[in-house]
Amino acid sequence: MLAFMQDPQKLSERFKSRVHVLDGGLATELEKRGHDISGKLWSAQVLLEDPG
């Protein structure tokens, strides 16, 4: 396990030093499950259509 994962303070320090891009792969997973992600507010639309 990476050291910063064990110590939240180390993670906080890492984020102060530069820009980070976080991508959780939500769009890819929703697309695999058959959801339409072509609109501008695709994540909100999915929540309205299938909140569970």
C-alpha atoms as a PDB file:
ATOM      1  CA  MET A   1       0.000   0.000   0.000  1.00  0.00           C
ATOM      2  CA  LEU A   2       1.258   3.474  -0.823  1.00  0.00           C
ATOM      3  CA  ALA A   3       2.386   5.519   2.173  1.00  0.00           C
ATOM      4  CA  PHE A   4       0.013   8.416   1.482  1.00  0.00           C
ATOM      5  CA  MET A   5      -2.954   6.020   1.552  1.00  0.00           C
ATOM      6  CA  GLN A   6      -2.169   5.151   5.161  1.00  0.00           C
ATOM      7  CA  ASP A   7      -1.689   8.733   6.291  1.00  0.00           C
ATOM      8  CA  PRO A   8      -4.310  11.313   5.196  1.00  0.00           C
ATOM      9  CA  GLN A   9      -1.927  14.149   6.057  1.00  0.00           C
ATOM     10  CA  LYS A  10       0.568  12.908   3.475  1.00  0.00           C
ATOM     11  CA  LEU A  11      -2.189  12.783   0.864  1.00  0.00           C
ATOM     12  CA  SER A  12      -3.207  16.334   1.736  1.00  0.00           C
ATOM     13  CA  GLU A  13       0.386  17.495   1.291  1.00  0.00           C
ATOM     14  CA  ARG A  14       0.595  15.797  -2.113  1.00  0.00           C
ATOM     15  CA  PHE A  15      -2.450  17.680  -3.366  1.00  0.00           C
ATOM     16  CA  LYS A  16      -1.010  21.039  -2.303  1.00  0.00           C
ATOM     17  CA  SER A  17       2.047  20.691  -4.514  1.00  0.00           C
ATOM     18  CA  ARG A  18       0.461  20.443  -7.980  1.00  0.00           C
ATOM     19  CA  VAL A  19      -2.675  19.887 -10.032  1.00  0.00           C
ATOM     20  CA  HIS A  20      -4.160  16.386 -10.044  1.00  0.00           C
ATOM     21  CA  VAL A  21      -6.768  14.873 -12.329  1.00  0.00           C
ATOM     22  CA  LEU A  22      -9.025  12.323 -10.676  1.00  0.00           C
ATOM     23  CA  ASP A  23     -10.951   9.967 -12.916  1.00  0.00           C
ATOM     24  CA  GLY A  24     -13.052   7.327 -11.297  1.00  0.00           C
ATOM     25  CA  GLY A  25     -14.221   5.791 -14.556  1.00  0.00           C
ATOM     26  CA  LEU A  26     -17.893   6.566 -13.875  1.00  0.00           C
ATOM     27  CA  ALA A  27     -18.762   7.299 -17.500  1.00  0.00           C
ATOM     28  CA  THR A  28     -17.133   4.098 -18.712  1.00  0.00           C
ATOM     29  CA  GLU A  29     -18.997   1.981 -16.187  1.00  0.00           C
ATOM     30  CA  LEU A  30     -22.347   3.635 -16.866  1.00  0.00           C
ATOM     31  CA  GLU A  31     -21.851   3.224 -20.593  1.00  0.00           C
ATOM     32  CA  LYS A  32     -21.102  -0.489 -20.093  1.00  0.00           C
ATOM     33  CA  ARG A  33     -24.394  -0.768 -18.220  1.00  0.00           C
ATOM     34  CA  GLY A  34     -26.297   0.711 -21.155  1.00  0.00           C
ATOM     35  CA  HIS A  35     -26.811   4.294 -20.004  1.00  0.00           C
ATOM     36  CA  ASP A  36     -26.753   7.163 -22.492  1.00  0.00           C
ATOM     37  CA  ILE A  37     -23.908   9.516 -21.587  1.00  0.00           C
ATOM     38  CA  SER A  38     -24.065  11.719 -24.680  1.00  0.00           C
ATOM     39  CA  GLY A  39     -25.752  14.741 -23.066  1.00  0.00           C
ATOM     40  CA  LYS A  40     -24.081  17.593 -21.190  1.00  0.00           C
ATOM     41  CA  LEU A  41     -25.651  16.581 -17.866  1.00  0.00           C
ATOM     42  CA  TRP A  42     -25.376  12.818 -18.363  1.00  0.00           C
ATOM     43  CA  SER A  43     -24.553  12.024 -14.732  1.00  0.00           C
ATOM     44  CA  ALA A  44     -27.599  13.932 -13.474  1.00  0.00           C
ATOM     45  CA  GLN A  45     -29.799  12.269 -16.090  1.00  0.00           C
ATOM     46  CA  VAL A  46     -28.653   8.802 -15.014  1.00  0.00           C
ATOM     47  CA  LEU A  47     -29.420   9.639 -11.386  1.00  0.00           C
ATOM     48  CA  LEU A  48     -32.927  10.773 -12.329  1.00  0.00           C
ATOM     49  CA  GLU A  49     -33.612   7.693 -14.453  1.00  0.00           C
ATOM     50  CA  ASP A  50     -31.988   5.073 -12.234  1.00  0.00           C
ATOM     51  CA  PRO A  51     -31.206   6.381  -8.741  1.00  0.00           C
ATOM     52  CA  GLY A  52     -30.711   2.918  -7.225  1.00  0.00           C
END
